[in-house]
Amino acid sequence: MARPPSADDLAALADASPLVVLLDIDGTLAPIAPRPEDARVPAETRAALRRLATRRDTVVAILTGRVASDARGMVDADGMLVVGNHGAERIEPDGSVRVDEAVAPFEAALARAAAELTERLAPIPGVLVEFKRWSLAVHYRLADHARLPHITSVVSEVASREGLRRGEGKEVFELRPPADVNKGTAALALLRRFGAPASGRGVLFAGDDVTDEDAFRRLAAEAPEAFTVRVGPPDAETAARFVVDDPAAVRVLLERLASLG
């Protein structure tokens, strides 16, 4: 069962070289908002990220389900690598964009699915279809949950017809290409890119939702010393090693880590 990280845990992490810090945004750096466009990363958290990114032998990267360009603006991430759409795309520190070749063939299917879902779910107040080019999300946080069976049926039907994979998160459905591309594969690729040990020592990944569990599981299996942190209730079922309460606790963790440099 995951537990809160201790001062000794953080000291051991900070002692590693390189230190590779991978972070989700919504629910991790930014509090969950009713609508995606309303979410904000607090100024204090952005400052902690900048301080950590300048730390000796430290790399900070963002690993999010958001569109990479949106994520980059939210965290003021100039000079950071940002991986978006659950690993499907990334913006390099120089601003160039790369899309995973396994995902690219599904662009048209995702666009068709977004258009159909927008039309068919429009009569239900509070449902928001978010087209992210390489994935799409159907948010129902603001909808009458008595309509959830109908929403689920429509989303499942469209996903099946277009050959897309349906996943779930916090009051959201995610439609993604049926490719082995997720936060787990992305996290492992970043470990190799940044020269982290195969054991995962010196690697921090923090996330709060179902898609982050892809990374927790892959890291537990292939890089078991990684410092994985689930953000949320202490009794949540998770493959992460550690747990903290909320985005404010993540900020404190980042500040403490930066101070140990």
Protein backbone atom coordinates (compact mmCIF):
# COMPACT_ATOMS: atom_id res chain seq x y z
CA MET A 1 0.00 0.00 0.00
CA ALA A 2 1.27 3.46 -0.88
CA ARG A 3 2.43 5.67 1.98
CA PRO A 4 3.46 9.33 2.37
CA PRO A 5 7.13 9.91 1.49
CA SER A 6 9.41 10.55 4.45
CA ALA A 7 12.28 13.01 4.76
CA ASP A 8 14.68 10.09 4.33
CA ASP A 9 12.88 9.01 1.14
CA LEU A 10 13.27 12.51 -0.32
CA ALA A 11 16.91 12.73 0.73
CA ALA A 12 17.69 9.45 -1.02
CA LEU A 13 15.90 10.64 -4.17
CA ALA A 14 17.74 13.98 -4.13
CA ASP A 15 21.07 12.19 -3.81
CA ALA A 16 20.65 10.50 -7.20
CA SER A 17 22.37 11.71 -10.35
CA PRO A 18 20.73 12.31 -12.71
CA LEU A 19 17.46 13.28 -11.07
CA VAL A 20 14.60 12.88 -13.57
CA VAL A 21 11.29 14.48 -12.58
CA LEU A 22 8.17 13.62 -14.63
CA LEU A 23 4.90 15.34 -13.74
CA ASP A 24 1.26 15.20 -14.73
CA ILE A 25 -0.70 18.48 -14.69
CA ASP A 26 -4.42 18.20 -13.89
CA GLY A 27 -4.94 16.97 -10.35
CA THR A 28 -1.17 16.92 -9.79
CA LEU A 29 0.27 20.37 -10.46
CA ALA A 30 -3.11 22.05 -10.96
CA PRO A 31 -6.29 21.46 -8.94
CA ILE A 32 -9.05 19.78 -10.92
CA ALA A 33 -11.39 22.38 -12.44
CA PRO A 34 -14.99 21.99 -13.66
CA ARG A 35 -13.82 22.62 -17.24
CA PRO A 36 -10.34 21.87 -18.63
CA GLU A 37 -9.87 25.46 -19.78
CA ASP A 38 -10.45 26.70 -16.22
CA ALA A 39 -7.53 24.78 -14.70
CA ARG A 40 -4.50 26.77 -13.54
CA VAL A 41 -1.09 25.81 -12.20
CA PRO A 42 -0.55 28.10 -9.18
CA ALA A 43 2.27 30.63 -9.46
CA GLU A 44 4.03 29.09 -6.45
CA THR A 45 4.08 25.69 -8.18
CA ARG A 46 5.42 27.17 -11.41
CA ALA A 47 8.17 28.84 -9.39
CA ALA A 48 9.03 25.53 -7.73
CA LEU A 49 9.27 23.88 -11.14
CA ARG A 50 11.61 26.57 -12.47
CA ARG A 51 13.82 26.28 -9.38
CA LEU A 52 13.94 22.51 -9.66
CA ALA A 53 14.73 22.67 -13.38
CA THR A 54 17.87 24.71 -12.63
CA ARG A 55 19.09 22.22 -10.04
CA ARG A 56 22.37 20.42 -10.77
CA ASP A 57 22.01 17.17 -12.77
CA THR A 58 18.22 17.50 -12.84
CA VAL A 59 15.77 17.19 -15.72
CA VAL A 60 12.11 18.18 -15.40
CA ALA A 61 9.54 17.07 -17.99
CA ILE A 62 5.76 17.21 -18.22
CA LEU A 63 3.78 14.04 -19.01
CA THR A 64 0.10 14.84 -19.44
CA GLY A 65 -3.11 13.92 -21.22
CA ARG A 66 -3.50 17.50 -22.39
CA VAL A 67 -2.48 18.77 -25.80
CA ALA A 68 1.24 19.39 -25.47
CA SER A 69 1.06 23.02 -26.60
CA ASP A 70 -1.64 23.79 -24.01
CA ALA A 71 0.36 22.06 -21.30
CA ARG A 72 3.47 24.02 -22.17
CA GLY A 73 1.64 27.29 -21.67
CA MET A 74 0.07 26.20 -18.38
CA VAL A 75 3.35 25.43 -16.66
CA ASP A 76 5.44 28.15 -18.32
CA ALA A 77 7.61 25.31 -19.59
CA ASP A 78 9.96 27.04 -22.02
CA GLY A 79 13.05 24.88 -22.19
CA MET A 80 11.28 21.80 -20.77
CA LEU A 81 10.26 18.71 -22.70
CA VAL A 82 6.46 18.36 -22.71
CA VAL A 83 4.83 15.04 -23.61
CA GLY A 84 1.11 15.39 -24.32
CA ASN A 85 -1.89 13.28 -25.28
CA HIS A 86 -0.79 10.46 -22.95
CA GLY A 87 2.47 9.99 -24.83
CA ALA A 88 1.23 10.48 -28.40
CA GLU A 89 3.03 13.79 -29.00
CA ARG A 90 5.82 15.85 -27.55
CA ILE A 91 7.20 19.36 -27.79
CA GLU A 92 10.96 19.45 -27.59
CA PRO A 93 12.74 22.17 -25.60
CA ASP A 94 13.43 23.96 -28.91
CA GLY A 95 9.70 24.07 -29.70
CA SER A 96 9.65 21.39 -32.40
CA VAL A 97 6.76 18.90 -32.32
CA ARG A 98 6.96 15.12 -32.74
CA VAL A 99 4.00 12.71 -33.08
CA ASP A 100 4.27 8.98 -32.41
CA GLU A 101 4.09 7.14 -35.72
CA ALA A 102 1.75 4.51 -34.25
CA VAL A 103 -0.83 7.21 -33.46
CA ALA A 104 -0.65 9.38 -36.59
CA PRO A 105 -2.82 7.11 -38.85
CA PHE A 106 -5.82 7.61 -36.52
CA GLU A 107 -6.09 11.38 -36.92
CA ALA A 108 -9.11 11.20 -39.25
CA ALA A 109 -10.92 8.62 -37.10
CA LEU A 110 -10.49 10.81 -34.03
CA ALA A 111 -11.80 13.85 -35.89
CA ARG A 112 -14.88 11.94 -37.06
CA ALA A 113 -15.50 10.62 -33.57
CA ALA A 114 -15.21 14.10 -32.06
CA ALA A 115 -17.65 15.56 -34.57
CA GLU A 116 -20.23 12.81 -34.04
CA LEU A 117 -19.97 12.87 -30.26
CA THR A 118 -20.28 16.66 -30.20
CA GLU A 119 -23.49 16.44 -32.23
CA ARG A 120 -25.07 13.51 -30.40
CA LEU A 121 -24.22 14.66 -26.87
CA ALA A 122 -25.01 18.35 -27.41
CA PRO A 123 -28.59 17.93 -26.05
CA ILE A 124 -27.18 16.90 -22.64
CA PRO A 125 -26.25 20.01 -20.61
CA GLY A 126 -22.84 19.85 -19.00
CA VAL A 127 -21.22 17.38 -21.39
CA LEU A 128 -18.04 18.70 -23.01
CA VAL A 129 -16.29 16.98 -25.93
CA GLU A 130 -12.62 17.99 -26.02
CA PHE A 131 -10.91 17.16 -29.34
CA LYS A 132 -7.15 16.94 -28.86
CA ARG A 133 -6.24 15.78 -32.38
CA TRP A 134 -4.42 12.63 -31.22
CA SER A 135 -7.07 11.73 -28.65
CA LEU A 136 -10.37 13.09 -27.41
CA ALA A 137 -12.10 13.40 -24.07
CA VAL A 138 -15.77 13.43 -23.12
CA HIS A 139 -16.14 15.28 -19.81
CA TYR A 140 -19.36 14.74 -17.85
CA ARG A 141 -18.44 16.32 -14.50
CA LEU A 142 -21.07 19.05 -14.97
CA ALA A 143 -23.76 16.79 -16.45
CA ASP A 144 -26.70 15.11 -14.72
CA HIS A 145 -25.22 11.74 -13.76
CA ALA A 146 -28.60 10.12 -14.35
CA ARG A 147 -27.70 10.49 -18.05
CA LEU A 148 -24.40 8.61 -17.62
CA PRO A 149 -25.70 5.27 -19.01
CA HIS A 150 -26.73 7.04 -22.22
CA ILE A 151 -23.44 8.96 -22.43
CA THR A 152 -21.51 5.73 -21.89
CA SER A 153 -23.49 3.93 -24.58
CA VAL A 154 -22.96 6.67 -27.18
CA VAL A 155 -19.22 6.97 -26.44
CA SER A 156 -18.75 3.19 -26.59
CA GLU A 157 -20.66 2.92 -29.88
CA VAL A 158 -18.64 5.64 -31.57
CA ALA A 159 -15.34 4.31 -30.26
CA SER A 160 -16.11 0.81 -31.54
CA ARG A 161 -17.15 2.03 -34.99
CA GLU A 162 -14.02 4.15 -35.41
CA GLY A 163 -11.66 1.49 -34.06
CA LEU A 164 -10.63 3.56 -31.04
CA ARG A 165 -9.87 2.47 -27.49
CA ARG A 166 -12.13 3.81 -24.75
CA GLY A 167 -10.68 4.56 -21.34
CA GLU A 168 -12.00 6.26 -18.22
CA GLY A 169 -10.74 8.84 -15.77
CA LYS A 170 -12.17 11.23 -13.21
CA GLU A 171 -15.63 11.92 -14.68
CA VAL A 172 -14.25 11.67 -18.19
CA PHE A 173 -14.07 9.16 -21.04
CA GLU A 174 -10.91 9.11 -23.15
CA LEU A 175 -10.85 7.86 -26.75
CA ARG A 176 -7.40 7.00 -28.04
CA PRO A 177 -5.84 5.02 -30.89
CA PRO A 178 -5.47 1.27 -30.21
CA ALA A 179 -1.68 1.54 -30.03
CA ASP A 180 0.79 0.69 -27.28
CA VAL A 181 1.29 4.36 -26.49
CA ASN A 182 0.48 5.60 -23.02
CA LYS A 183 2.07 7.31 -20.04
CA GLY A 184 3.86 4.08 -19.17
CA THR A 185 5.61 3.71 -22.51
CA ALA A 186 6.33 7.45 -22.53
CA ALA A 187 7.85 7.39 -19.04
CA LEU A 188 10.18 4.51 -19.92
CA ALA A 189 11.24 6.29 -23.12
CA LEU A 190 12.07 9.41 -21.11
CA LEU A 191 14.15 7.40 -18.64
CA ARG A 192 16.25 6.08 -21.52
CA ARG A 193 16.51 9.50 -23.13
CA PHE A 194 17.71 11.21 -19.96
CA GLY A 195 20.17 8.48 -18.98
CA ALA A 196 18.41 7.32 -15.83
CA PRO A 197 19.50 3.95 -14.41
CA ALA A 198 17.45 0.97 -15.55
CA SER A 199 16.50 0.41 -11.91
CA GLY A 200 14.64 3.72 -11.88
CA ARG A 201 16.75 5.18 -9.10
CA GLY A 202 16.53 8.96 -9.19
CA VAL A 203 13.26 9.01 -11.18
CA LEU A 204 10.17 10.76 -9.83
CA PHE A 205 6.78 10.44 -11.51
CA ALA A 206 3.68 12.01 -9.95
CA GLY A 207 0.11 11.69 -11.22
CA ASP A 208 -3.44 11.44 -9.94
CA ASP A 209 -5.66 9.55 -12.38
CA VAL A 210 -6.30 6.25 -14.12
CA THR A 211 -4.00 7.01 -17.05
CA ASP A 212 -1.17 7.72 -14.61
CA GLU A 213 -1.52 4.17 -13.34
CA ASP A 214 -0.16 3.05 -16.74
CA ALA A 215 3.10 4.74 -15.76
CA PHE A 216 3.01 3.51 -12.16
CA ARG A 217 2.58 -0.10 -13.32
CA ARG A 218 5.25 0.02 -16.03
CA LEU A 219 7.74 1.67 -13.74
CA ALA A 220 7.00 -0.81 -10.95
CA ALA A 221 7.63 -3.68 -13.36
CA GLU A 222 10.64 -2.34 -15.26
CA ALA A 223 12.19 0.38 -13.08
CA PRO A 224 11.14 -0.67 -9.56
CA GLU A 225 13.23 1.91 -7.69
CA ALA A 226 11.35 4.80 -9.33
CA PHE A 227 9.81 7.26 -6.86
CA THR A 228 6.18 7.04 -7.99
CA VAL A 229 3.62 9.29 -6.30
CA ARG A 230 -0.16 9.04 -6.50
CA VAL A 231 -1.94 12.31 -5.71
CA GLY A 232 -5.19 11.78 -3.86
CA PRO A 233 -6.79 9.91 -0.96
CA PRO A 234 -4.38 7.72 1.05
CA ASP A 235 -6.61 4.66 0.62
CA ALA A 236 -6.79 4.87 -3.19
CA GLU A 237 -5.85 1.68 -5.00
CA THR A 238 -2.62 2.37 -6.86
CA ALA A 239 0.58 0.83 -8.19
CA ALA A 240 2.52 3.88 -6.93
CA ARG A 241 4.92 3.56 -4.00
CA PHE A 242 3.96 6.84 -2.35
CA VAL A 243 0.88 9.02 -1.92
CA VAL A 244 0.32 12.73 -1.19
CA ASP A 245 -2.97 14.50 -0.60
CA ASP A 246 -3.30 17.12 -3.32
CA PRO A 247 -1.51 19.50 -5.71
CA ALA A 248 -0.46 21.71 -2.78
CA ALA A 249 1.37 18.72 -1.31
CA VAL A 250 3.05 18.11 -4.67
CA ARG A 251 4.31 21.71 -4.63
CA VAL A 252 5.76 21.21 -1.16
CA LEU A 253 7.46 18.01 -2.31
CA LEU A 254 9.01 19.81 -5.30
CA GLU A 255 10.18 22.70 -3.11
CA ARG A 256 11.81 20.33 -0.65
CA LEU A 257 13.47 18.40 -3.44
CA ALA A 258 14.86 21.61 -4.96
CA SER A 259 16.20 22.69 -1.57
CA LEU A 260 18.17 19.44 -1.25
CA GLY A 261 20.22 20.19 -4.36
